[in-house]
Protein backbone atom coordinates (compact mmCIF):
# COMPACT_ATOMS: atom_id res chain seq x y z
CA MET A 1 -15.57 -0.77 -0.91
CA GLY A 2 -14.35 0.51 2.26
CA ASP A 3 -10.46 1.90 2.26
CA ARG A 4 -9.55 -0.84 4.34
CA GLU A 5 -11.15 -3.49 1.81
CA MET A 6 -9.65 -1.27 -0.91
CA TRP A 7 -6.41 -1.30 0.41
CA TRP A 8 -6.51 -5.22 0.84
CA VAL A 9 -7.28 -5.79 -2.64
CA GLU A 10 -4.54 -3.60 -4.00
CA ASN A 11 -2.19 -5.43 -1.48
CA TYR A 12 -2.94 -8.82 -2.93
CA LEU A 13 -2.88 -7.83 -6.50
CA HIS A 14 0.52 -6.30 -5.93
CA ARG A 15 1.81 -9.30 -4.31
CA ILE A 16 0.35 -11.39 -6.83
CA SER A 17 1.83 -9.93 -9.63
CA LYS A 18 5.30 -9.66 -8.15
CA ALA A 19 5.27 -13.14 -7.49
CA ILE A 20 4.62 -13.82 -11.32
CA ALA A 21 7.28 -11.55 -12.32
CA HIS A 22 9.47 -13.30 -9.97
CA GLU A 23 8.56 -16.58 -11.29
CA ALA A 24 9.21 -15.55 -14.88
CA VAL A 25 12.76 -14.11 -14.37
CA ALA A 26 13.52 -17.50 -12.40
CA HIS A 27 12.52 -19.09 -15.55
CA GLY A 28 14.22 -17.15 -18.19
CA CYS A 29 11.30 -15.55 -19.67
CA ASP A 30 11.57 -12.09 -20.97
CA ARG A 31 7.70 -11.54 -21.83
CA ILE A 32 4.58 -12.10 -19.89
CA ALA A 33 1.38 -12.59 -21.92
CA LEU A 34 -2.08 -11.99 -20.81
CA GLU A 35 -5.28 -12.58 -22.11
CA GLU A 36 -9.10 -12.21 -21.37
CA LEU A 37 -10.77 -15.25 -19.87
CA THR A 38 -14.18 -13.76 -19.41
CA ASP A 39 -16.42 -16.61 -21.22
CA ILE A 40 -14.15 -18.24 -22.51
CA ARG A 41 -15.81 -21.87 -22.71
CA ASP A 42 -18.12 -19.73 -25.13
CA ARG A 43 -15.59 -18.64 -27.12
CA MET A 44 -13.57 -22.08 -27.43
CA PRO A 45 -15.26 -24.55 -29.94
CA GLY A 46 -15.77 -28.00 -28.33
CA VAL A 47 -15.23 -27.50 -24.97
CA GLN A 48 -18.91 -27.74 -23.91
CA LYS A 49 -17.96 -31.56 -23.11
CA PHE A 50 -15.81 -29.93 -20.50
CA ARG A 51 -18.65 -28.47 -18.67
CA ALA A 52 -19.65 -29.39 -14.97
C-alpha cells in the first residue's frame, strides 16, 4: 500500500475504534470484548442451515 492508502486505513480504523469506545461509554459499559470471527460459520454447530 502507498502512504496515502495506509493513512486512510489507519484513520478509518481510528475513527471506528473511537466510535465504539464512545458508544460503550454512552451505555455505561466498562469493558469491550473482542473475538476472532474468521471462519466462525465453520466453528459453530448447526449454522450450515443459515448459509446463503
